[in-house]
Amino acid sequence: MSVKNSKEYLKSVKEDSLFRILKLAIDELKEKYDVSENEILQLIKQPDSKEILIPVSVFEARNLSSLEIVCKYLKEELDFGYSKIASMLNRDSRTIWTTYQNALSKRKERLPVRDSKFYIPISILANRKLSVLEAIVSYLKDNFNLRYSEISALLNRDERNVLAVYNRFRKKK
């Protein structure tokens, strides 16, 4: 589809009556329940679960720690407050504030959020016995049986670091 055709297609979608109804419904939900568009979309993607899922694509961001990426995603994309993020991650709200500020100083632009084949449930990050990266690597390795090279590509980390993190997780387990 050419650029011109895609613009025409998007214009026709925006003019469609179903699209206008959906837009009105989203606006109504935002006002009635005081939620963001991203939270509504999150609920649509996973209607049976109250679990928040983080797309693995956000971990492609360079120069940010895993916790910084998670805090930045939850704050900017899902519009959560520091105390809500802190309770979900089992951390102090001051830690979350500091982590988010550090992430902002390193990366002002938003994270690369797009559909991903793999999603990380937020609940696995609440285990304080594991680092955030250990929890993510172990989840991907144990639940999807991915190779270290695949995990390192998904998380934009060196394969040797991913192996070391997983070995550290196994020792703690």
Protein backbone atom coordinates (compact mmCIF):
# COMPACT_ATOMS: atom_id res chain seq x y z
CA MET A 1 0.00 0.00 0.00
CA SER A 2 1.50 3.32 -0.97
CA VAL A 3 1.76 6.28 1.39
CA LYS A 4 -1.03 8.07 -0.44
CA ASN A 5 -3.30 5.03 -0.26
CA SER A 6 -2.55 4.48 3.44
CA LYS A 7 -3.45 8.12 4.21
CA GLU A 8 -6.71 7.71 2.34
CA TYR A 9 -7.37 4.46 4.17
CA LEU A 10 -6.78 6.08 7.58
CA LYS A 11 -9.05 8.96 6.59
CA SER A 12 -11.82 6.53 5.62
CA VAL A 13 -11.42 4.67 8.94
CA LYS A 14 -11.67 7.93 10.90
CA GLU A 15 -14.84 8.83 9.02
CA ASP A 16 -16.42 5.40 9.65
CA SER A 17 -19.37 5.52 12.06
CA LEU A 18 -18.07 2.54 14.09
CA PHE A 19 -14.78 4.34 14.65
CA ARG A 20 -16.64 7.45 15.85
CA ILE A 21 -18.73 5.31 18.23
CA LEU A 22 -15.57 3.65 19.58
CA LYS A 23 -13.93 7.04 20.07
CA LEU A 24 -16.99 8.30 21.98
CA ALA A 25 -17.04 5.15 24.12
CA ILE A 26 -13.34 5.54 24.98
CA ASP A 27 -13.85 9.21 25.87
CA GLU A 28 -16.81 8.25 28.08
CA LEU A 29 -14.78 5.55 29.86
CA LYS A 30 -11.87 7.95 30.39
CA GLU A 31 -14.13 10.50 32.05
CA LYS A 32 -16.33 8.11 34.03
CA TYR A 33 -13.53 5.96 35.48
CA ASP A 34 -10.66 8.46 35.33
CA VAL A 35 -8.42 6.14 33.32
CA SER A 36 -6.08 6.80 30.43
CA GLU A 37 -6.48 5.57 26.86
CA ASN A 38 -3.53 3.25 27.41
CA GLU A 39 -5.20 1.65 30.43
CA ILE A 40 -8.37 1.11 28.39
CA LEU A 41 -6.37 -0.47 25.57
CA GLN A 42 -4.55 -2.64 28.11
CA LEU A 43 -7.92 -3.90 29.38
CA ILE A 44 -9.12 -4.58 25.84
CA LYS A 45 -6.00 -6.62 25.07
CA GLN A 46 -6.40 -8.74 28.19
CA PRO A 47 -10.05 -8.67 29.26
CA ASP A 48 -9.95 -11.80 31.44
CA SER A 49 -6.91 -10.78 33.41
CA LYS A 50 -6.21 -7.89 35.73
CA GLU A 51 -2.50 -8.51 35.26
CA ILE A 52 -0.56 -5.68 33.70
CA LEU A 53 1.67 -6.89 30.87
CA ILE A 54 4.77 -5.08 29.68
CA PRO A 55 5.72 -5.63 26.03
CA VAL A 56 9.27 -6.89 25.67
CA SER A 57 9.82 -4.29 22.92
CA VAL A 58 10.28 -1.57 25.56
CA PHE A 59 13.45 -3.28 26.77
CA GLU A 60 15.19 -2.38 23.50
CA ALA A 61 15.91 1.04 25.02
CA ARG A 62 19.62 1.56 25.43
CA ASN A 63 21.41 2.93 28.50
CA LEU A 64 18.52 2.28 30.89
CA SER A 65 18.34 -0.34 33.60
CA SER A 66 15.46 -2.80 33.60
CA LEU A 67 13.84 -1.09 36.59
CA GLU A 68 14.19 2.30 34.90
CA ILE A 69 12.50 0.93 31.78
CA VAL A 70 9.65 -0.58 33.80
CA CYS A 71 9.11 2.65 35.78
CA LYS A 72 9.26 4.79 32.65
CA TYR A 73 6.79 2.51 30.84
CA LEU A 74 4.29 2.42 33.71
CA LYS A 75 4.53 6.16 34.31
CA GLU A 76 4.48 7.44 30.73
CA GLU A 77 2.49 4.83 28.83
CA LEU A 78 -0.03 3.73 31.45
CA ASP A 79 -0.14 7.01 33.43
CA PHE A 80 0.33 5.34 36.82
CA GLY A 81 1.39 7.35 39.85
CA TYR A 82 4.55 6.66 41.83
CA SER A 83 2.71 5.05 44.74
CA LYS A 84 0.74 2.70 42.47
CA ILE A 85 3.93 1.66 40.65
CA ALA A 86 5.65 1.17 44.00
CA SER A 87 2.90 -1.08 45.31
CA MET A 88 2.85 -3.17 42.11
CA LEU A 89 6.64 -3.60 42.19
CA ASN A 90 6.84 -4.06 45.97
CA ARG A 91 9.14 -1.06 46.36
CA ASP A 92 9.16 2.27 48.14
CA SER A 93 7.57 5.17 46.23
CA ARG A 94 10.72 7.27 46.81
CA THR A 95 12.75 4.58 45.04
CA ILE A 96 10.33 4.65 42.11
CA TRP A 97 10.47 8.47 41.94
CA THR A 98 14.30 8.43 41.97
CA THR A 99 14.46 5.64 39.39
CA TYR A 100 12.06 7.47 37.08
CA GLN A 101 14.01 10.73 37.42
CA ASN A 102 17.25 8.88 36.60
CA ALA A 103 15.58 7.35 33.55
CA LEU A 104 14.38 10.78 32.42
CA SER A 105 17.87 12.23 32.73
CA LYS A 106 19.23 9.42 30.54
CA ARG A 107 16.38 9.31 28.01
CA LYS A 108 13.90 12.12 27.49
CA GLU A 109 11.96 10.52 24.62
CA ARG A 110 9.34 7.83 25.16
CA LEU A 111 10.13 4.14 25.03
CA PRO A 112 9.64 2.18 21.77
CA VAL A 113 6.25 0.62 22.50
CA ARG A 114 4.84 -1.68 19.88
CA ASP A 115 3.12 -5.02 19.75
CA SER A 116 5.41 -7.77 20.84
CA LYS A 117 5.34 -11.53 20.69
CA PHE A 118 6.27 -11.68 24.37
CA TYR A 119 4.87 -9.78 27.35
CA ILE A 120 6.19 -9.66 30.90
CA PRO A 121 3.57 -9.80 33.70
CA ILE A 122 4.18 -7.11 36.28
CA SER A 123 3.59 -9.56 39.15
CA ILE A 124 6.90 -11.37 38.54
CA LEU A 125 8.78 -8.14 39.23
CA ALA A 126 7.43 -7.86 42.78
CA ASN A 127 9.73 -10.61 44.08
CA ARG A 128 12.42 -8.63 45.89
CA LYS A 129 14.70 -11.67 46.14
CA LEU A 130 15.36 -11.29 42.41
CA SER A 131 16.59 -8.30 40.47
CA VAL A 132 14.23 -7.01 37.79
CA LEU A 133 16.50 -8.35 35.06
CA GLU A 134 16.75 -11.77 36.78
CA ALA A 135 12.97 -11.97 36.97
CA ILE A 136 12.55 -11.05 33.30
CA VAL A 137 15.26 -13.37 32.00
CA SER A 138 14.04 -16.30 34.10
CA TYR A 139 10.44 -15.70 32.99
CA LEU A 140 11.40 -15.68 29.31
CA LYS A 141 13.70 -18.69 29.68
CA ASP A 142 11.39 -20.85 31.80
CA ASN A 143 8.02 -19.99 30.22
CA PHE A 144 8.96 -19.71 26.56
CA ASN A 145 12.09 -21.89 26.51
CA LEU A 146 14.00 -19.22 24.60
CA ARG A 147 17.72 -19.50 23.93
CA TYR A 148 20.05 -17.02 25.62
CA SER A 149 20.79 -15.44 22.26
CA GLU A 150 17.06 -14.87 21.65
CA ILE A 151 16.59 -13.35 25.10
CA SER A 152 19.63 -11.12 24.66
CA ALA A 153 18.27 -9.88 21.33
CA LEU A 154 14.84 -9.17 22.83
CA LEU A 155 16.29 -7.29 25.81
CA ASN A 156 19.12 -5.62 23.91
CA ARG A 157 21.68 -7.06 26.32
CA ASP A 158 24.89 -8.99 25.76
CA GLU A 159 24.33 -12.75 25.59
CA ARG A 160 27.01 -13.39 28.22
CA ASN A 161 25.23 -11.04 30.63
CA VAL A 162 21.93 -12.84 30.06
CA LEU A 163 23.62 -16.17 30.77
CA ALA A 164 25.23 -14.78 33.94
CA VAL A 165 21.90 -13.33 35.11
CA TYR A 166 20.11 -16.64 34.55
CA ASN A 167 22.85 -18.55 36.39
CA ARG A 168 22.54 -16.09 39.30
CA PHE A 169 18.78 -16.73 39.31
CA ARG A 170 19.32 -20.51 39.41
CA LYS A 171 21.68 -20.16 42.39
CA LYS A 172 19.08 -18.11 44.26
CA LYS A 173 16.39 -20.62 43.40
